[in-house]
Amino acid sequence: MTTTALIIGDLQAGIVDGHPFVADMLPVMEETILPAARAAGILVIFIRTGLRTSGLDAAAGNPLVTALRRAGTLFHEESPETLVHPRIAPLPGEAVVLKRRASAFAGTDLDLLLRAQRIDSIVLTGVATGAMVAATLYDAADRDYRLTVLSDACADGEPDVHDFLVSRVFPARGADVLTSHGWTARL
């Protein structure tokens, strides 16, 4: 039984299709990472962002969440735009966790799923590097998970933010930073 989980964050239809910097990383996920993880028996967990259409979960003092809620239906939980992109759709038995904040742990059952499966190591991918990936990494580190970030399977609308995080911040926080090929070669 593997003790590693692959976390795929916010690669949902509306984000991938609406942002070229995200679409460019989709083939890496589709052709390299997902097939390798599944073949190795690694637990795959998809994370998606979806806010309540009513706005009850968007505090007036939180400008980021308020802006996401106001971005049309892109982040409304009932919208097809929030579903995992169909090119990397979850297989039966793979978990999809709905989150309402940057971290995949904040207010979700992700930690419960990982602990129930005796996972102690997380491989983190997704968008944006400066939001979901960073917030989830910090949260996971505080929960004592071993961390790996796949640098070519994360992206940010600001490439310099992505580069700084994967080259300086994440390694300084104890994460291994690898490329997808570097990681799959270790499986």
C-alpha atoms as a PDB file:
ATOM      1  CA  MET A   1       0.000   0.000   0.000  1.00  0.00           C
ATOM      2  CA  THR A   2       1.382   3.380  -0.994  1.00  0.00           C
ATOM      3  CA  THR A   3       1.629   6.171   1.538  1.00  0.00           C
ATOM      4  CA  THR A   4       1.664   8.888  -1.126  1.00  0.00           C
ATOM      5  CA  ALA A   5      -1.187  10.913  -2.587  1.00  0.00           C
ATOM      6  CA  LEU A   6      -1.186  13.058  -5.699  1.00  0.00           C
ATOM      7  CA  ILE A   7      -3.110  16.298  -5.181  1.00  0.00           C
ATOM      8  CA  ILE A   8      -4.368  17.984  -8.364  1.00  0.00           C
ATOM      9  CA  GLY A   9      -5.618  21.438  -7.471  1.00  0.00           C
ATOM     10  CA  ASP A  10      -8.058  23.631  -9.343  1.00  0.00           C
ATOM     11  CA  LEU A  11      -7.569  22.153 -12.811  1.00  0.00           C
ATOM     12  CA  GLN A  12     -11.208  22.781 -13.461  1.00  0.00           C
ATOM     13  CA  ALA A  13     -12.830  23.435 -16.813  1.00  0.00           C
ATOM     14  CA  GLY A  14     -13.337  27.184 -16.505  1.00  0.00           C
ATOM     15  CA  ILE A  15      -9.835  27.863 -15.236  1.00  0.00           C
ATOM     16  CA  VAL A  16      -8.029  25.637 -17.753  1.00  0.00           C
ATOM     17  CA  ASP A  17     -10.062  26.803 -20.735  1.00  0.00           C
ATOM     18  CA  GLY A  18      -9.863  30.475 -19.759  1.00  0.00           C
ATOM     19  CA  HIS A  19      -6.167  30.816 -18.975  1.00  0.00           C
ATOM     20  CA  PRO A  20      -3.475  29.812 -21.494  1.00  0.00           C
ATOM     21  CA  PHE A  21      -0.787  29.500 -18.800  1.00  0.00           C
ATOM     22  CA  VAL A  22      -2.872  26.699 -17.253  1.00  0.00           C
ATOM     23  CA  ALA A  23      -3.759  25.006 -20.534  1.00  0.00           C
ATOM     24  CA  ASP A  24      -0.050  24.648 -21.302  1.00  0.00           C
ATOM     25  CA  MET A  25       0.470  22.395 -18.289  1.00  0.00           C
ATOM     26  CA  LEU A  26      -2.537  20.156 -18.954  1.00  0.00           C
ATOM     27  CA  PRO A  27      -0.638  17.772 -21.304  1.00  0.00           C
ATOM     28  CA  VAL A  28       1.974  17.161 -18.577  1.00  0.00           C
ATOM     29  CA  MET A  29      -0.798  16.104 -16.233  1.00  0.00           C
ATOM     30  CA  GLU A  30      -2.699  14.138 -18.844  1.00  0.00           C
ATOM     31  CA  GLU A  31       0.206  12.316 -20.512  1.00  0.00           C
ATOM     32  CA  THR A  32       2.812  11.918 -17.769  1.00  0.00           C
ATOM     33  CA  ILE A  33       1.724  12.482 -14.188  1.00  0.00           C
ATOM     34  CA  LEU A  34      -1.743  10.926 -14.009  1.00  0.00           C
ATOM     35  CA  PRO A  35      -0.880   7.744 -15.922  1.00  0.00           C
ATOM     36  CA  ALA A  36       2.260   7.209 -13.830  1.00  0.00           C
ATOM     37  CA  ALA A  37       0.487   7.834 -10.523  1.00  0.00           C
ATOM     38  CA  ARG A  38      -2.394   5.554 -11.400  1.00  0.00           C
ATOM     39  CA  ALA A  39      -0.067   2.797 -12.620  1.00  0.00           C
ATOM     40  CA  ALA A  40       1.889   3.034  -9.365  1.00  0.00           C
ATOM     41  CA  GLY A  41      -1.280   2.766  -7.272  1.00  0.00           C
ATOM     42  CA  ILE A  42      -0.895   6.266  -5.861  1.00  0.00           C
ATOM     43  CA  LEU A  43      -4.036   7.801  -4.417  1.00  0.00           C
ATOM     44  CA  VAL A  44      -5.239  10.621  -6.690  1.00  0.00           C
ATOM     45  CA  ILE A  45      -7.299  13.424  -5.169  1.00  0.00           C
ATOM     46  CA  PHE A  46      -8.730  16.261  -7.238  1.00  0.00           C
ATOM     47  CA  ILE A  47      -9.404  19.620  -5.616  1.00  0.00           C
ATOM     48  CA  ARG A  48     -11.844  22.109  -7.055  1.00  0.00           C
ATOM     49  CA  THR A  49     -12.931  25.563  -5.946  1.00  0.00           C
ATOM     50  CA  GLY A  50     -16.628  26.299  -5.737  1.00  0.00           C
ATOM     51  CA  LEU A  51     -18.340  29.071  -3.851  1.00  0.00           C
ATOM     52  CA  ARG A  52     -21.988  29.137  -2.862  1.00  0.00           C
ATOM     53  CA  THR A  53     -24.052  31.042  -5.407  1.00  0.00           C
ATOM     54  CA  SER A  54     -25.844  32.754  -2.521  1.00  0.00           C
ATOM     55  CA  GLY A  55     -22.600  34.386  -1.443  1.00  0.00           C
ATOM     56  CA  LEU A  56     -22.963  33.244   2.160  1.00  0.00           C
ATOM     57  CA  ASP A  57     -19.360  32.022   2.160  1.00  0.00           C
ATOM     58  CA  ALA A  58     -17.912  35.303   0.824  1.00  0.00           C
ATOM     59  CA  ALA A  59     -17.140  37.554   3.768  1.00  0.00           C
ATOM     60  CA  ALA A  60     -17.145  41.251   2.930  1.00  0.00           C
ATOM     61  CA  GLY A  61     -13.702  41.546   4.528  1.00  0.00           C
ATOM     62  CA  ASN A  62     -12.185  38.956   2.190  1.00  0.00           C
ATOM     63  CA  PRO A  63     -11.518  40.773  -1.097  1.00  0.00           C
ATOM     64  CA  LEU A  64     -10.111  37.700  -2.896  1.00  0.00           C
ATOM     65  CA  VAL A  65     -13.116  35.477  -2.227  1.00  0.00           C
ATOM     66  CA  THR A  66     -15.480  38.352  -2.990  1.00  0.00           C
ATOM     67  CA  ALA A  67     -13.721  38.885  -6.335  1.00  0.00           C
ATOM     68  CA  LEU A  68     -13.932  35.167  -7.169  1.00  0.00           C
ATOM     69  CA  ARG A  69     -17.633  35.161  -6.401  1.00  0.00           C
ATOM     70  CA  ARG A  70     -18.169  38.148  -8.663  1.00  0.00           C
ATOM     71  CA  ALA A  71     -16.257  36.565 -11.584  1.00  0.00           C
ATOM     72  CA  GLY A  72     -19.463  35.373 -13.216  1.00  0.00           C
ATOM     73  CA  THR A  73     -20.168  31.684 -12.683  1.00  0.00           C
ATOM     74  CA  LEU A  74     -16.503  30.664 -12.968  1.00  0.00           C
ATOM     75  CA  PHE A  75     -16.313  29.790  -9.266  1.00  0.00           C
ATOM     76  CA  HIS A  76     -19.951  29.022  -8.417  1.00  0.00           C
ATOM     77  CA  GLU A  77     -20.144  25.485  -7.042  1.00  0.00           C
ATOM     78  CA  GLU A  78     -23.067  24.441  -9.274  1.00  0.00           C
ATOM     79  CA  SER A  79     -21.396  25.672 -12.454  1.00  0.00           C
ATOM     80  CA  PRO A  80     -19.948  23.178 -14.955  1.00  0.00           C
ATOM     81  CA  GLU A  81     -16.950  25.532 -15.056  1.00  0.00           C
ATOM     82  CA  THR A  82     -15.917  24.272 -11.604  1.00  0.00           C
ATOM     83  CA  LEU A  83     -15.796  20.609 -12.630  1.00  0.00           C
ATOM     84  CA  VAL A  84     -12.429  18.909 -13.109  1.00  0.00           C
ATOM     85  CA  HIS A  85     -11.343  19.433 -16.702  1.00  0.00           C
ATOM     86  CA  PRO A  86     -12.666  16.516 -18.802  1.00  0.00           C
ATOM     87  CA  ARG A  87      -9.213  15.664 -20.211  1.00  0.00           C
ATOM     88  CA  ILE A  88      -8.099  14.625 -16.728  1.00  0.00           C
ATOM     89  CA  ALA A  89     -11.469  13.535 -15.341  1.00  0.00           C
ATOM     90  CA  PRO A  90     -11.412  11.504 -12.127  1.00  0.00           C
ATOM     91  CA  LEU A  91     -11.771   7.755 -12.457  1.00  0.00           C
ATOM     92  CA  PRO A  92     -14.347   5.918 -10.340  1.00  0.00           C
ATOM     93  CA  GLY A  93     -13.070   5.805  -6.778  1.00  0.00           C
ATOM     94  CA  GLU A  94     -10.881   8.891  -7.077  1.00  0.00           C
ATOM     95  CA  ALA A  95     -11.885  11.609  -4.640  1.00  0.00           C
ATOM     96  CA  VAL A  96     -12.914  15.133  -5.560  1.00  0.00           C
ATOM     97  CA  VAL A  97     -12.740  17.642  -2.718  1.00  0.00           C
ATOM     98  CA  LEU A  98     -14.665  20.907  -2.914  1.00  0.00           C
ATOM     99  CA  LYS A  99     -12.892  23.849  -1.308  1.00  0.00           C
ATOM    100  CA  ARG A 100     -13.976  27.416  -0.699  1.00  0.00           C
ATOM    101  CA  ARG A 101     -10.627  28.987   0.168  1.00  0.00           C
ATOM    102  CA  ALA A 102      -7.069  28.866  -1.191  1.00  0.00           C
ATOM    103  CA  SER A 103      -5.854  25.893   0.868  1.00  0.00           C
ATOM    104  CA  ALA A 104      -7.215  22.486  -0.034  1.00  0.00           C
ATOM    105  CA  PHE A 105      -7.342  21.773   3.704  1.00  0.00           C
ATOM    106  CA  ALA A 106      -9.321  24.832   4.843  1.00  0.00           C
ATOM    107  CA  GLY A 107     -12.805  23.663   5.779  1.00  0.00           C
ATOM    108  CA  THR A 108     -12.623  20.419   3.747  1.00  0.00           C
ATOM    109  CA  ASP A 109     -12.332  16.717   4.498  1.00  0.00           C
ATOM    110  CA  LEU A 110      -8.961  16.380   2.713  1.00  0.00           C
ATOM    111  CA  ASP A 111      -7.022  15.662   5.910  1.00  0.00           C
ATOM    112  CA  LEU A 112      -9.599  13.026   6.879  1.00  0.00           C
ATOM    113  CA  LEU A 113      -9.255  11.299   3.498  1.00  0.00           C
ATOM    114  CA  LEU A 114      -5.460  11.313   3.694  1.00  0.00           C
ATOM    115  CA  ARG A 115      -5.318  10.036   7.268  1.00  0.00           C
ATOM    116  CA  ALA A 116      -7.933   7.340   6.577  1.00  0.00           C
ATOM    117  CA  GLN A 117      -5.697   6.032   3.796  1.00  0.00           C
ATOM    118  CA  ARG A 118      -2.542   6.334   5.945  1.00  0.00           C
ATOM    119  CA  ILE A 119      -1.035   8.891   3.603  1.00  0.00           C
ATOM    120  CA  ASP A 120       2.029  10.697   4.937  1.00  0.00           C
ATOM    121  CA  SER A 121       3.453  12.105   1.711  1.00  0.00           C
ATOM    122  CA  ILE A 122       1.798  14.528  -0.705  1.00  0.00           C
ATOM    123  CA  VAL A 123       2.742  15.310  -4.287  1.00  0.00           C
ATOM    124  CA  LEU A 124       1.284  18.721  -5.024  1.00  0.00           C
ATOM    125  CA  THR A 125       0.240  20.056  -8.429  1.00  0.00           C
ATOM    126  CA  GLY A 126      -2.181  22.674  -9.699  1.00  0.00           C
ATOM    127  CA  VAL A 127      -2.923  26.357 -10.007  1.00  0.00           C
ATOM    128  CA  ALA A 128      -2.160  28.895  -9.008  1.00  0.00           C
ATOM    129  CA  THR A 129       1.301  28.381  -7.568  1.00  0.00           C
ATOM    130  CA  GLY A 130       0.974  31.550  -5.504  1.00  0.00           C
ATOM    131  CA  ALA A 131      -2.491  30.662  -4.229  1.00  0.00           C
ATOM    132  CA  MET A 132      -3.765  27.062  -4.014  1.00  0.00           C
ATOM    133  CA  VAL A 133      -0.348  25.401  -4.217  1.00  0.00           C
ATOM    134  CA  ALA A 134       1.357  27.678  -1.680  1.00  0.00           C
ATOM    135  CA  ALA A 135      -1.579  27.731   0.753  1.00  0.00           C
ATOM    136  CA  THR A 136      -1.980  23.948   0.596  1.00  0.00           C
ATOM    137  CA  LEU A 137       1.762  23.399   0.969  1.00  0.00           C
ATOM    138  CA  TYR A 138       1.933  25.528   4.131  1.00  0.00           C
ATOM    139  CA  ASP A 139      -1.140  23.824   5.564  1.00  0.00           C
ATOM    140  CA  ALA A 140       0.206  20.347   4.741  1.00  0.00           C
ATOM    141  CA  ALA A 141       3.590  21.164   6.280  1.00  0.00           C
ATOM    142  CA  ASP A 142       1.851  22.255   9.482  1.00  0.00           C
ATOM    143  CA  ARG A 143       0.101  18.864   9.500  1.00  0.00           C
ATOM    144  CA  ASP A 144       3.444  17.034   9.174  1.00  0.00           C
ATOM    145  CA  TYR A 145       3.043  15.666   5.644  1.00  0.00           C
ATOM    146  CA  ARG A 146       6.160  15.097   3.543  1.00  0.00           C
ATOM    147  CA  LEU A 147       5.888  17.319   0.495  1.00  0.00           C
ATOM    148  CA  THR A 148       6.859  17.178  -3.142  1.00  0.00           C
ATOM    149  CA  VAL A 149       5.922  19.875  -5.638  1.00  0.00           C
ATOM    150  CA  LEU A 150       6.044  19.137  -9.361  1.00  0.00           C
ATOM    151  CA  SER A 151       7.328  22.386 -10.847  1.00  0.00           C
ATOM    152  CA  ASP A 152       6.054  21.769 -14.390  1.00  0.00           C
ATOM    153  CA  ALA A 153       2.647  20.704 -13.080  1.00  0.00           C
ATOM    154  CA  CYS A 154       2.036  24.001 -11.298  1.00  0.00           C
ATOM    155  CA  ALA A 155       1.430  27.350 -12.913  1.00  0.00           C
ATOM    156  CA  ASP A 156       0.734  30.937 -12.031  1.00  0.00           C
ATOM    157  CA  GLY A 157      -0.471  33.892 -14.061  1.00  0.00           C
ATOM    158  CA  GLU A 158       2.676  35.623 -12.869  1.00  0.00           C
ATOM    159  CA  PRO A 159       5.615  33.452 -13.997  1.00  0.00           C
ATOM    160  CA  ASP A 160       8.066  35.239 -11.695  1.00  0.00           C
ATOM    161  CA  VAL A 161       5.898  34.325  -8.687  1.00  0.00           C
ATOM    162  CA  HIS A 162       5.871  30.679  -9.785  1.00  0.00           C
ATOM    163  CA  ASP A 163       9.641  30.658 -10.343  1.00  0.00           C
ATOM    164  CA  PHE A 164      10.387  32.271  -6.978  1.00  0.00           C
ATOM    165  CA  LEU A 165       8.135  29.885  -5.067  1.00  0.00           C
ATOM    166  CA  VAL A 166       9.391  26.673  -6.684  1.00  0.00           C
ATOM    167  CA  SER A 167      13.056  27.666  -6.685  1.00  0.00           C
ATOM    168  CA  ARG A 168      13.350  29.418  -3.320  1.00  0.00           C
ATOM    169  CA  VAL A 169      10.345  29.297  -1.008  1.00  0.00           C
ATOM    170  CA  PHE A 170       9.086  25.720  -1.300  1.00  0.00           C
ATOM    171  CA  PRO A 171      12.539  24.105  -0.894  1.00  0.00           C
ATOM    172  CA  ALA A 172      13.185  26.376   2.093  1.00  0.00           C
ATOM    173  CA  ARG A 173       9.962  25.052   3.627  1.00  0.00           C
ATOM    174  CA  GLY A 174      11.187  21.459   3.295  1.00  0.00           C
ATOM    175  CA  ALA A 175       9.478  20.449   0.050  1.00  0.00           C
ATOM    176  CA  ASP A 176      11.213  18.469  -2.647  1.00  0.00           C
ATOM    177  CA  VAL A 177      10.727  20.266  -5.942  1.00  0.00           C
ATOM    178  CA  LEU A 178      10.946  18.008  -8.976  1.00  0.00           C
ATOM    179  CA  THR A 179       9.836  17.996 -12.585  1.00  0.00           C
ATOM    180  CA  SER A 180       7.176  15.516 -13.598  1.00  0.00           C
ATOM    181  CA  HIS A 181       9.782  13.370 -15.345  1.00  0.00           C
ATOM    182  CA  GLY A 182      12.058  13.501 -12.310  1.00  0.00           C
ATOM    183  CA  TRP A 183       9.200  12.336 -10.108  1.00  0.00           C
ATOM    184  CA  THR A 184       7.941   9.590 -12.403  1.00  0.00           C
ATOM    185  CA  ALA A 185      11.494   8.246 -12.753  1.00  0.00           C
ATOM    186  CA  ARG A 186      11.460   7.601  -8.993  1.00  0.00           C
ATOM    187  CA  LEU A 187       8.253   5.560  -9.056  1.00  0.00           C
END
